Amino acid sequence: MSIFIDKSTRVLVQGITGKEGSFWTRHMKEMGTNVVAGVTPGKEGQEVEGIPVFHSVRRALQHTAVEASLIFVPPKFVKDAVFEALDGGIRKIVIMADGIPLHDTIQIRRAGLVENAKIIGGNTSGVITPGEAMMGSFPYWIERVYKPGDIGVMTRSGSLTNEVTAMVVRAGFGVSTLVGVGGDPVPGTRFAELLRDYQEDSATRAVVIIGELGGSMEEEVAESMESGIYTKPLVAFLAGRTAPEGKKMGHAGAIVSNGTGTVEGKIRALEKAGALVAERPRMVGELLKQIFKEDA
């Protein structure tokens, strides 16, 4: 069992003929991802890496079954692409674009909740099950980061993900499924909404979250732990410990308001719920070893 994607998942790429879409489609296919179709309006009849291209999602679905869609389109076209996928019955969607208009992200999230769909992103690297498949832009060939294993990873960060995950692997573990929820203020899916999947996933023994200053996603994780929705071990690393109080940060998701969103508050909430919080990235692996030594 895996979360979101495995070798059998039939993947569509919207925007497959673009520079980024074609580049990462090739790498996804080389990894073993089951990419079955692509969509670019006006490009039907072409192929990318042997994958047929169609004018629209509807046209693609007339020719092949699809379970998930990866969206490589410019920010202003993302909402229409997501709605097109949802209208086609696709309920697993990954959005790569950064800079999607805020009002569009609100509508996308609302539509995902109404349709009971999992929409990952935008502003994300995507989703990867190492050794199986990926939807996104991961350098999966770096074995010191993307080694298969039984530790789930959820991340808001782009830059810190490889560093923290490398510490998981250095400690002797590997990754079951890594999900980049994205760094925008309104992600399609939040940490706590994915925790139940990790809880039910027999391939995941513990979860690492890579959080940041701002927002309330980490506090929501603590609430899920306290309510019993998630009961497996959890280790967190939170970026922004040294941010000056009251200073506005540049990251779109790093908004502190009404007394919530501070790193100190997140740490208190997580530790109260039973999570272990690493002060530095390298401590993530050490804390995992501590957990499973105690369980032995």
Protein backbone atom coordinates (compact mmCIF):
# COMPACT_ATOMS: atom_id res chain seq x y z
CA MET A 1 0.00 0.00 0.00
CA SER A 2 1.21 3.52 -0.72
CA ILE A 3 -0.15 7.02 -0.33
CA PHE A 4 -1.35 8.89 -3.42
CA ILE A 5 0.77 7.18 -6.08
CA ASP A 6 2.44 3.85 -6.91
CA LYS A 7 3.66 2.07 -10.04
CA SER A 8 0.14 1.22 -11.16
CA THR A 9 -1.36 4.73 -10.84
CA ARG A 10 -2.38 5.99 -14.28
CA VAL A 11 -1.10 9.57 -14.55
CA LEU A 12 -2.09 12.38 -16.90
CA VAL A 13 0.20 15.43 -17.41
CA GLN A 14 -1.58 18.69 -18.22
CA GLY A 15 0.92 20.95 -19.98
CA ILE A 16 3.07 18.01 -21.10
CA THR A 17 4.56 19.73 -24.16
CA GLY A 18 6.00 22.68 -22.25
CA LYS A 19 9.65 22.83 -21.24
CA GLU A 20 9.10 21.79 -17.61
CA GLY A 21 6.29 19.38 -18.42
CA SER A 22 8.27 17.44 -21.02
CA PHE A 23 11.48 17.45 -18.94
CA TRP A 24 9.88 16.02 -15.81
CA THR A 25 7.63 13.65 -17.75
CA ARG A 26 10.79 12.02 -19.08
CA HIS A 27 12.18 11.64 -15.57
CA MET A 28 8.88 10.36 -14.19
CA LYS A 29 8.74 7.76 -16.91
CA GLU A 30 12.38 6.75 -16.35
CA MET A 31 11.60 6.24 -12.65
CA GLY A 32 8.72 3.93 -13.54
CA THR A 33 5.73 6.24 -13.19
CA ASN A 34 2.78 5.09 -15.29
CA VAL A 35 2.23 8.25 -17.37
CA VAL A 36 -0.52 7.32 -19.85
CA ALA A 37 -1.47 10.62 -21.51
CA GLY A 38 -0.76 14.32 -21.81
CA VAL A 39 -2.85 17.39 -22.54
CA THR A 40 -1.91 20.56 -24.38
CA PRO A 41 -4.62 22.43 -26.32
CA GLY A 42 -3.82 22.45 -30.03
CA LYS A 43 -1.16 19.74 -29.78
CA GLU A 44 -3.29 16.60 -30.17
CA GLY A 45 -1.57 13.92 -32.25
CA GLN A 46 1.88 14.70 -30.93
CA GLU A 47 3.78 12.48 -28.52
CA VAL A 48 6.13 13.21 -25.61
CA GLU A 49 8.41 10.33 -24.65
CA GLY A 50 6.00 8.03 -26.49
CA ILE A 51 3.03 9.37 -24.51
CA PRO A 52 0.05 10.53 -26.61
CA VAL A 53 -1.01 14.19 -26.35
CA PHE A 54 -4.64 15.32 -26.50
CA HIS A 55 -6.41 18.67 -26.84
CA SER A 56 -8.27 18.34 -23.53
CA VAL A 57 -8.73 16.16 -20.47
CA ARG A 58 -12.05 15.00 -21.88
CA ARG A 59 -10.37 13.85 -25.10
CA ALA A 60 -7.68 12.02 -23.12
CA LEU A 61 -10.31 10.25 -21.01
CA GLN A 62 -12.05 9.06 -24.17
CA HIS A 63 -8.92 7.08 -25.01
CA THR A 64 -7.54 5.95 -21.65
CA ALA A 65 -8.40 5.66 -17.97
CA VAL A 66 -6.71 8.19 -15.68
CA GLU A 67 -6.48 8.25 -11.87
CA ALA A 68 -4.25 11.28 -11.24
CA SER A 69 -3.24 14.50 -12.97
CA LEU A 70 -0.03 16.51 -12.73
CA ILE A 71 -0.49 20.14 -13.77
CA PHE A 72 2.38 22.01 -15.45
CA VAL A 73 0.62 25.17 -16.65
CA PRO A 74 1.21 28.89 -15.97
CA PRO A 75 -0.34 30.25 -12.75
CA LYS A 76 -3.22 32.10 -14.43
CA PHE A 77 -4.39 28.89 -16.13
CA VAL A 78 -4.16 26.60 -13.11
CA LYS A 79 -7.73 27.02 -11.87
CA ASP A 80 -9.21 26.08 -15.25
CA ALA A 81 -6.87 23.09 -15.51
CA VAL A 82 -7.87 21.85 -12.04
CA PHE A 83 -11.57 22.26 -12.75
CA GLU A 84 -11.14 20.42 -16.06
CA ALA A 85 -9.51 17.50 -14.23
CA LEU A 86 -12.21 17.48 -11.53
CA ASP A 87 -14.94 17.56 -14.18
CA GLY A 88 -13.32 14.47 -15.69
CA GLY A 89 -13.62 12.59 -12.40
CA ILE A 90 -9.93 12.82 -11.49
CA ARG A 91 -9.56 13.02 -7.71
CA LYS A 92 -5.77 13.12 -7.28
CA ILE A 93 -4.20 16.32 -8.58
CA VAL A 94 -0.74 17.86 -8.15
CA ILE A 95 -0.20 21.54 -9.03
CA MET A 96 3.38 22.64 -9.68
CA ALA A 97 2.93 26.37 -10.38
CA ASP A 98 4.08 29.10 -8.01
CA GLY A 99 2.29 32.44 -7.88
CA ILE A 100 -1.30 31.28 -8.44
CA PRO A 101 -3.69 34.17 -7.68
CA LEU A 102 -4.96 33.94 -4.11
CA HIS A 103 -8.62 34.02 -5.08
CA ASP A 104 -7.97 31.11 -7.46
CA THR A 105 -6.31 29.02 -4.74
CA ILE A 106 -9.32 29.59 -2.48
CA GLN A 107 -11.67 28.36 -5.20
CA ILE A 108 -9.42 25.39 -5.96
CA ARG A 109 -9.32 24.31 -2.31
CA ARG A 110 -13.09 24.72 -1.95
CA ALA A 111 -13.69 22.63 -5.08
CA GLY A 112 -11.34 19.93 -3.83
CA LEU A 113 -13.20 19.68 -0.54
CA VAL A 114 -16.60 19.55 -2.26
CA GLU A 115 -15.44 16.85 -4.69
CA ASN A 116 -13.57 14.86 -2.02
CA ALA A 117 -10.38 15.23 -4.06
CA LYS A 118 -6.79 15.43 -2.89
CA ILE A 119 -5.20 18.46 -4.51
CA ILE A 120 -1.50 18.89 -3.68
CA GLY A 121 0.11 22.33 -4.15
CA GLY A 122 0.58 24.74 -5.73
CA ASN A 123 4.14 25.88 -5.17
CA THR A 124 5.28 22.32 -4.52
CA SER A 125 7.79 19.75 -5.68
CA GLY A 126 4.97 17.21 -5.74
CA VAL A 127 4.56 13.68 -4.40
CA ILE A 128 7.01 10.78 -4.52
CA THR A 129 6.99 7.18 -3.37
CA PRO A 130 10.70 6.32 -3.74
CA GLY A 131 11.34 3.21 -5.80
CA GLU A 132 7.77 3.33 -7.12
CA ALA A 133 6.59 6.50 -8.82
CA MET A 134 6.42 10.28 -8.58
CA MET A 135 4.33 13.22 -9.69
CA GLY A 136 6.52 16.30 -9.62
CA SER A 137 10.08 17.51 -9.92
CA PHE A 138 12.17 15.40 -7.55
CA PRO A 139 15.80 14.42 -8.25
CA TYR A 140 14.84 10.85 -7.33
CA TRP A 141 18.21 9.51 -8.47
CA ILE A 142 19.90 11.00 -5.37
CA GLU A 143 19.83 7.85 -3.24
CA ARG A 144 21.03 9.60 -0.09
CA VAL A 145 17.69 11.47 -0.12
CA TYR A 146 15.14 9.30 -1.95
CA LYS A 147 15.74 5.85 -0.52
CA PRO A 148 12.65 3.63 -0.12
CA GLY A 149 11.65 2.96 3.47
CA ASP A 150 8.92 3.34 6.05
CA ILE A 151 9.12 6.98 7.16
CA GLY A 152 6.50 9.32 5.71
CA VAL A 153 7.51 12.92 5.04
CA MET A 154 5.26 15.97 4.68
CA THR A 155 6.82 19.31 3.88
CA ARG A 156 5.92 22.96 3.38
CA SER A 157 9.46 23.79 2.32
CA GLY A 158 11.23 23.38 -0.96
CA SER A 159 14.81 24.17 0.02
CA LEU A 160 14.88 22.19 3.28
CA THR A 161 13.22 19.01 2.06
CA ASN A 162 16.31 17.34 0.60
CA GLU A 163 18.43 18.33 3.60
CA VAL A 164 16.03 16.93 6.20
CA THR A 165 15.18 13.80 4.22
CA ALA A 166 18.90 13.09 3.76
CA MET A 167 19.18 13.01 7.56
CA VAL A 168 16.38 10.43 7.68
CA VAL A 169 18.32 8.25 5.25
CA ARG A 170 21.68 8.83 7.01
CA ALA A 171 20.13 7.52 10.21
CA GLY A 172 19.38 4.21 8.49
CA PHE A 173 15.78 4.81 7.41
CA GLY A 174 14.06 5.48 4.12
CA VAL A 175 10.93 7.20 2.84
CA SER A 176 7.52 5.64 2.25
CA THR A 177 5.79 8.63 0.66
CA LEU A 178 6.89 12.27 0.59
CA VAL A 179 4.23 14.92 0.01
CA GLY A 180 5.09 18.56 -0.59
CA VAL A 181 1.93 20.40 0.42
CA GLY A 182 3.40 23.65 -0.90
CA GLY A 183 4.29 26.98 0.63
CA ASP A 184 1.34 29.11 -0.44
CA PRO A 185 -1.11 30.61 2.09
CA VAL A 186 -3.95 28.40 0.81
CA PRO A 187 -2.66 24.94 -0.14
CA GLY A 188 -5.01 22.47 -1.78
CA THR A 189 -4.46 19.98 1.04
CA ARG A 190 -3.14 20.61 4.55
CA PHE A 191 -0.85 18.48 6.76
CA ALA A 192 -3.63 17.30 9.06
CA GLU A 193 -5.77 16.21 6.12
CA LEU A 194 -3.02 13.82 5.04
CA LEU A 195 -2.29 12.40 8.48
CA ARG A 196 -5.16 9.91 8.31
CA ASP A 197 -3.65 8.46 5.12
CA TYR A 198 -0.30 7.97 6.83
CA GLN A 199 -2.07 6.50 9.86
CA GLU A 200 -3.77 3.90 7.66
CA ASP A 201 -0.73 3.22 5.48
CA SER A 202 0.86 -0.09 6.48
CA ALA A 203 4.08 0.98 4.72
CA THR A 204 4.53 3.99 7.03
CA ARG A 205 5.90 3.50 10.55
CA ALA A 206 6.37 7.16 11.51
CA VAL A 207 6.03 10.61 9.96
CA VAL A 208 8.41 13.56 9.70
CA ILE A 209 6.95 17.02 9.07
CA ILE A 210 9.03 19.90 7.77
CA GLY A 211 7.19 23.03 8.86
CA GLU A 212 7.78 26.75 8.86
CA LEU A 213 7.03 30.00 10.56
CA GLY A 214 3.48 31.19 9.90
CA GLY A 215 0.10 29.61 9.33
CA SER A 216 -1.51 26.98 11.53
CA MET A 217 -0.81 23.67 9.80
CA GLU A 218 1.57 22.42 12.46
CA GLU A 219 -0.89 23.25 15.26
CA GLU A 220 -3.52 21.28 13.33
CA VAL A 221 -1.16 18.29 13.32
CA ALA A 222 -0.91 18.57 17.12
CA GLU A 223 -4.71 18.63 17.36
CA SER A 224 -4.94 15.48 15.22
CA MET A 225 -2.48 13.73 17.51
CA GLU A 226 -4.32 14.78 20.65
CA SER A 227 -7.66 13.68 19.23
CA GLY A 228 -6.31 10.21 18.32
CA ILE A 229 -6.71 10.61 14.56
CA TYR A 230 -2.96 10.05 14.27
CA THR A 231 -1.18 7.78 16.76
CA LYS A 232 2.14 6.81 15.14
CA PRO A 233 5.42 8.51 16.12
CA LEU A 234 5.99 11.97 14.65
CA VAL A 235 9.13 14.09 14.38
CA ALA A 236 9.05 17.72 13.31
CA PHE A 237 11.61 20.22 12.12
CA LEU A 238 10.43 23.84 11.95
CA ALA A 239 12.24 26.50 9.98
CA GLY A 240 12.21 30.08 11.20
CA ARG A 241 13.31 29.66 14.82
CA THR A 242 15.61 32.68 14.54
CA ALA A 243 13.15 34.98 12.78
CA PRO A 244 12.86 38.28 14.71
CA GLU A 245 9.52 38.71 16.44
CA GLY A 246 7.15 40.92 14.48
CA LYS A 247 9.26 40.86 11.32
CA LYS A 248 7.42 40.21 8.06
CA MET A 249 8.89 37.26 6.20
CA GLY A 250 9.07 36.98 2.42
CA HIS A 251 7.68 33.45 2.07
CA ALA A 252 4.03 33.46 1.00
CA GLY A 253 3.07 30.95 3.70
CA ALA A 254 5.01 32.64 6.51
CA ILE A 255 2.21 34.77 7.91
CA VAL A 256 1.93 35.20 11.67
CA SER A 257 -1.32 36.69 12.90
CA ASN A 258 -3.55 36.84 15.97
CA GLY A 259 -0.91 35.19 18.12
CA THR A 260 -0.73 32.02 16.02
CA GLY A 261 1.93 30.88 13.59
CA THR A 262 5.02 31.49 15.70
CA VAL A 263 7.62 28.74 15.74
CA GLU A 264 7.59 28.75 19.56
CA GLY A 265 3.84 28.22 19.61
CA LYS A 266 4.05 25.40 17.09
CA ILE A 267 6.78 23.66 19.09
CA ARG A 268 4.76 23.88 22.31
CA ALA A 269 1.68 22.46 20.63
CA LEU A 270 3.54 19.59 18.96
CA GLU A 271 5.51 18.61 22.06
CA LYS A 272 2.36 18.73 24.19
CA ALA A 273 0.74 16.30 21.72
CA GLY A 274 3.70 13.89 21.99
CA ALA A 275 5.75 14.81 18.93
CA LEU A 276 9.53 15.18 19.04
CA VAL A 277 10.86 18.45 17.62
CA ALA A 278 14.36 18.67 16.15
CA GLU A 279 16.36 21.85 16.71
CA ARG A 280 18.45 21.22 13.61
CA PRO A 281 17.90 19.13 10.46
CA ARG A 282 20.53 16.55 11.44
CA MET A 283 18.65 15.82 14.66
CA VAL A 284 15.64 14.46 12.76
CA GLY A 285 17.41 11.17 12.08
CA GLU A 286 18.74 10.99 15.63
CA LEU A 287 15.23 11.41 17.05
CA LEU A 288 13.91 8.65 14.77
CA LYS A 289 16.65 6.33 16.02
CA GLN A 290 15.72 7.25 19.58
CA ILE A 291 12.05 6.42 18.95
CA PHE A 292 12.67 3.03 17.44
CA LYS A 293 15.40 2.09 19.91
CA GLU A 294 12.85 2.68 22.64
CA ASP A 295 10.29 0.57 20.77
CA ALA A 296 12.72 -2.31 20.27
